[in-house]
């Protein structure tokens, strides 16, 4: 297909946020490290898929849902979004996300604002801090788990001192041992 003079081969879609994904590469102890920032809007419900043939070492920061079928080593920050490690996914990372679903291998620590789901095909080794967790029969789980509680609503304040009705006790009255005071 040959573009018309002054035309474009590629057009920007109005359906999606037109900000590009940002990738920057830095050197860290002789290894190439890549930091990927996704700018996909959460409102679209879109997800980014890292395929089986992809391997990433570094930090992933995003504002969208992420599905990992490949290999990741590093950190994953998906504020208010869902991370899914697919059945073929292999992740070694510190994870911060709204919800996390594990169907493959994940070694590391998870800090989820919502729920962590561990499916029957999953292998998880590490620490989990979340509000809720579910583990299917057949899953392998070796973890330290901390479930956060919702704050309880407080009722009326209780007095620090109990108040009783009746006459005030007499001061300095001797107590006799015969039962007659």
Protein backbone atom coordinates (compact mmCIF):
# COMPACT_ATOMS: atom_id res chain seq x y z
CA UNK A 1 0.00 0.00 0.00
CA UNK A 2 1.48 3.28 -1.09
CA UNK A 3 0.55 6.40 0.91
CA UNK A 4 -0.83 9.41 -0.89
CA UNK A 5 1.43 12.37 -1.13
CA UNK A 6 1.34 14.09 2.25
CA UNK A 7 -0.63 11.12 3.72
CA UNK A 8 0.38 8.86 6.59
CA UNK A 9 0.92 5.07 6.63
CA UNK A 10 0.12 4.95 10.34
CA UNK A 11 -2.64 6.86 12.05
CA UNK A 12 -3.11 7.59 15.70
CA UNK A 13 -6.28 6.08 17.08
CA UNK A 14 -8.65 8.40 18.89
CA UNK A 15 -9.86 5.45 20.98
CA UNK A 16 -6.63 5.24 22.98
CA UNK A 17 -4.44 7.68 24.83
CA UNK A 18 -1.88 8.82 22.28
CA UNK A 19 0.97 9.14 24.76
CA UNK A 20 3.73 6.72 23.81
CA UNK A 21 5.11 4.06 26.12
CA UNK A 22 8.44 5.18 27.52
CA UNK A 23 11.44 2.88 27.66
CA UNK A 24 14.79 3.90 29.01
CA UNK A 25 17.85 1.70 29.27
CA UNK A 26 20.53 2.16 31.91
CA UNK A 27 23.66 0.23 32.85
CA UNK A 28 23.58 -1.45 36.26
CA UNK A 29 26.61 -3.47 37.35
CA UNK A 30 27.46 -4.37 33.77
CA UNK A 31 23.93 -5.61 32.97
CA UNK A 32 21.49 -3.81 30.74
CA UNK A 33 18.41 -2.81 32.71
CA UNK A 34 15.23 -1.58 31.11
CA UNK A 35 12.53 0.51 32.74
CA UNK A 36 9.17 0.40 30.97
CA UNK A 37 6.39 2.85 31.72
CA UNK A 38 2.95 2.18 30.30
CA UNK A 39 0.52 5.03 29.74
CA UNK A 40 -2.51 2.99 28.68
CA UNK A 41 -5.57 4.50 30.35
CA UNK A 42 -7.23 2.30 32.95
CA UNK A 43 -10.71 3.34 31.90
CA UNK A 44 -10.48 1.31 28.68
CA UNK A 45 -9.99 -1.97 30.59
CA UNK A 46 -7.15 -2.74 28.20
CA UNK A 47 -4.34 -5.08 29.18
CA UNK A 48 -0.76 -5.44 28.09
CA UNK A 49 0.48 -8.96 27.43
CA UNK A 50 4.12 -9.98 27.76
CA UNK A 51 4.37 -13.11 25.61
CA UNK A 52 6.13 -16.43 26.25
CA UNK A 53 9.12 -15.48 24.11
CA UNK A 54 9.79 -12.22 25.99
CA UNK A 55 12.19 -11.88 28.92
CA UNK A 56 12.56 -8.61 30.84
CA UNK A 57 15.05 -7.74 33.56
CA UNK A 58 14.34 -4.44 35.33
CA UNK A 59 11.42 -2.34 36.51
CA UNK A 60 7.93 -2.25 35.06
CA UNK A 61 5.70 0.71 36.01
CA UNK A 62 2.25 0.99 34.52
CA UNK A 63 -1.22 2.46 34.64
CA UNK A 64 -2.96 -0.53 33.13
CA UNK A 65 -3.57 -4.23 33.60
CA UNK A 66 -0.69 -6.58 32.79
CA UNK A 67 -0.62 -10.26 31.79
CA UNK A 68 2.74 -12.03 31.94
CA UNK A 69 3.27 -15.19 29.90
CA UNK A 70 7.03 -14.66 29.60
CA UNK A 71 9.82 -14.10 32.11
CA UNK A 72 10.27 -11.06 34.37
CA UNK A 73 12.98 -10.37 36.94
CA UNK A 74 12.90 -7.10 38.91
CA UNK A 75 10.02 -4.95 40.19
CA UNK A 76 6.45 -4.52 38.99
CA UNK A 77 4.42 -1.45 40.03
CA UNK A 78 0.84 -1.33 38.75
CA UNK A 79 -0.93 1.13 41.04
CA UNK A 80 -4.68 0.39 41.14
CA UNK A 81 -4.43 -2.28 38.42
CA UNK A 82 -4.43 -6.04 37.99
CA UNK A 83 -1.39 -8.25 37.44
CA UNK A 84 -1.92 -11.73 36.02
CA UNK A 85 0.91 -14.26 35.83
CA UNK A 86 -0.30 -16.72 33.20
CA UNK A 87 0.29 -20.48 33.32
CA UNK A 88 3.54 -20.10 31.32
CA UNK A 89 4.69 -16.99 33.19
CA UNK A 90 7.81 -17.02 35.34
CA UNK A 91 8.25 -13.98 37.59
CA UNK A 92 10.90 -13.16 40.17
CA UNK A 93 9.88 -9.74 41.47
CA UNK A 94 8.64 -7.33 44.08
CA UNK A 95 5.01 -6.70 43.07
CA UNK A 96 2.74 -3.75 43.94
CA UNK A 97 -0.74 -3.89 42.41
CA UNK A 98 -4.46 -3.62 43.20
CA UNK A 99 -5.14 -7.30 42.47
CA UNK A 100 -2.80 -10.19 41.61
CA UNK A 101 -3.72 -13.51 39.97
CA UNK A 102 -1.05 -16.20 39.79
CA UNK A 103 -1.36 -19.09 37.37
CA UNK A 104 2.36 -19.68 36.74
CA UNK A 105 5.50 -19.28 38.85
CA UNK A 106 6.03 -16.22 41.05
CA UNK A 107 8.86 -15.86 43.55
CA UNK A 108 9.03 -12.63 45.56
CA UNK A 109 6.86 -10.32 47.60
CA UNK A 110 3.36 -9.15 46.77
CA UNK A 111 1.77 -6.00 48.18
CA UNK A 112 -1.83 -5.92 46.94
CA UNK A 113 -4.42 -3.33 47.88
CA UNK A 114 -7.18 -5.84 47.11
CA UNK A 115 -7.13 -9.58 46.46
CA UNK A 116 -4.44 -12.13 45.62
CA UNK A 117 -5.69 -15.24 43.78
CA UNK A 118 -3.48 -18.32 43.54
CA UNK A 119 -4.84 -20.82 41.00
CA UNK A 120 -4.35 -24.59 40.94
CA UNK A 121 -1.54 -24.32 38.35
CA UNK A 122 0.40 -21.74 40.40
CA UNK A 123 3.67 -21.97 42.27
CA UNK A 124 4.22 -19.10 44.71
CA UNK A 125 7.16 -18.63 47.08
CA UNK A 126 7.46 -15.41 49.09
CA UNK A 127 5.45 -12.94 51.16
CA UNK A 128 1.93 -11.67 50.59
CA UNK A 129 0.36 -8.56 52.09
CA UNK A 130 -3.24 -8.08 50.96
CA UNK A 131 -6.81 -7.54 52.12
CA UNK A 132 -8.02 -10.88 50.74
CA UNK A 133 -6.50 -14.10 49.42
CA UNK A 134 -7.81 -17.22 47.71
CA UNK A 135 -5.87 -20.43 47.05
CA UNK A 136 -7.23 -23.19 44.80
CA UNK A 137 -6.67 -26.86 45.57
CA UNK A 138 -3.50 -28.08 43.87
CA UNK A 139 -1.59 -24.80 44.07
CA UNK A 140 1.90 -24.81 45.59
CA UNK A 141 2.25 -22.13 48.23
CA UNK A 142 5.20 -21.41 50.51
CA UNK A 143 4.49 -18.01 51.98
CA UNK A 144 4.26 -15.59 54.84
CA UNK A 145 0.81 -14.02 54.62
CA UNK A 146 -0.42 -10.82 56.25
CA UNK A 147 -4.08 -9.99 55.70
CA UNK A 148 -5.07 -6.42 56.46
CA UNK A 149 -8.33 -5.83 58.26
CA UNK A 150 -10.82 -3.17 57.38
CA UNK A 151 -11.04 -0.64 60.24
CA UNK A 152 -14.03 -1.37 62.47
CA UNK A 153 -16.56 1.44 62.81
CA UNK A 154 -16.37 2.92 66.28
CA UNK A 155 -19.53 3.18 68.38
CA UNK A 156 -20.21 5.73 71.11
CA UNK A 157 -17.24 6.51 73.29
CA UNK A 158 -17.04 4.53 76.52
CA UNK A 159 -16.22 6.43 79.72
CA UNK A 160 -12.81 5.76 81.21
CA UNK A 161 -14.27 5.60 84.75
CA UNK A 162 -17.37 3.63 85.64
CA UNK A 163 -20.11 5.65 87.32
CA UNK A 164 -22.42 4.03 89.87
CA UNK A 165 -25.53 5.44 91.52
CA UNK A 166 -26.07 5.32 95.26
CA UNK A 167 -24.53 6.79 98.38
CA UNK A 168 -20.85 7.59 98.34
CA UNK A 169 -18.70 5.17 100.34
CA UNK A 170 -17.68 6.43 103.76
CA UNK A 171 -14.03 7.33 104.18
CA UNK A 172 -11.83 6.23 107.05
CA UNK A 173 -14.44 3.88 108.57
CA UNK A 174 -12.69 1.01 110.37
CA UNK A 175 -13.42 -2.47 109.09
CA UNK A 176 -14.05 -5.06 111.74
CA UNK A 177 -13.42 -8.75 111.33
CA UNK A 178 -16.81 -9.79 112.80
CA UNK A 179 -18.73 -8.92 109.63
CA UNK A 180 -20.44 -5.91 111.32
CA UNK A 181 -19.16 -2.69 109.95
